[in-house]
Protein backbone atom coordinates (compact mmCIF):
# COMPACT_ATOMS: atom_id res chain seq x y z
CA MET A 1 0.00 0.00 0.00
CA ASN A 2 1.37 3.38 -0.89
CA GLU A 3 0.96 6.51 1.21
CA ALA A 4 -1.96 7.91 -0.79
CA GLN A 5 -3.96 4.71 -0.36
CA LEU A 6 -3.09 4.58 3.32
CA LYS A 7 -4.20 8.19 3.84
CA ALA A 8 -7.46 7.53 1.99
CA LEU A 9 -8.13 4.44 4.11
CA LEU A 10 -7.35 6.37 7.28
CA ARG A 11 -9.75 9.18 6.30
CA LYS A 12 -12.46 6.64 5.50
CA THR A 13 -11.98 4.84 8.82
CA GLN A 14 -12.00 8.06 10.82
CA ALA A 15 -15.18 9.23 9.09
CA ALA A 16 -16.88 5.92 9.86
CA ALA A 17 -15.81 6.11 13.50
CA ALA A 18 -17.06 9.68 13.83
CA ALA A 19 -20.40 8.75 12.28
CA ALA A 20 -20.91 5.75 14.57
CA LYS A 21 -23.99 6.20 16.72
CA PRO A 22 -23.89 5.38 20.42
CA LYS A 23 -25.69 2.25 21.53
CA LYS A 24 -29.22 2.83 22.71
CA ASN A 25 -30.84 0.64 25.32
CA ARG A 26 -33.70 -1.33 23.88
CA THR A 27 -37.05 -0.87 25.50
CA TYR A 28 -40.04 -2.89 24.51
CA ASP A 29 -42.56 -0.74 26.30
CA ALA A 30 -42.76 3.00 25.56
CA THR A 31 -43.89 3.74 29.11
CA LEU A 32 -40.54 2.56 30.49
CA ASP A 33 -38.71 5.50 28.94
CA ALA A 34 -41.27 7.92 30.35
CA THR A 35 -40.96 6.55 33.88
CA ARG A 36 -37.16 6.45 34.05
CA PRO A 37 -35.53 9.40 35.79
CA PRO A 38 -32.88 11.29 33.79
CA LYS A 39 -29.33 10.03 34.27
CA THR A 40 -27.03 12.09 36.47
CA GLU A 41 -23.30 11.88 37.08
CA ALA A 42 -23.92 10.70 40.64
CA GLY A 43 -26.23 7.95 39.39
CA GLU A 44 -23.72 6.82 36.78
CA ALA A 45 -20.97 6.74 39.43
CA ALA A 46 -23.18 4.65 41.70
CA ASP A 47 -23.92 2.27 38.82
CA ALA A 48 -20.20 1.89 38.16
CA ASP A 49 -19.56 1.20 41.86
CA ALA A 50 -22.31 -1.40 41.92
CA ALA A 51 -20.92 -3.07 38.80
CA ASP A 52 -17.46 -3.25 40.42
CA LEU A 53 -18.94 -4.70 43.60
CA PHE A 54 -20.84 -7.40 41.74
CA ALA A 55 -17.77 -8.22 39.64
CA GLN A 56 -15.78 -8.75 42.84
CA MET A 57 -18.57 -10.84 44.37
CA LYS A 58 -18.64 -13.12 41.32
CA LYS A 59 -14.94 -13.87 41.81
CA ARG A 60 -15.43 -15.01 45.40
CA GLU A 61 -16.82 -18.31 46.59
CA PHE A 62 -19.30 -18.38 49.42
């Protein structure tokens, strides 16, 4: 591959990555979206903490 082809491929890949849409959670009932509270930074941090806790619990044997 020469440099021109490599640059063209790089531009194409970067454009595709920039155009990629974020994943959206699937909901099968429209009322679920209406009843969910908006996400906050504190809520996201708590979710991350809970995920870490459960990951650690899975590693342990009781």
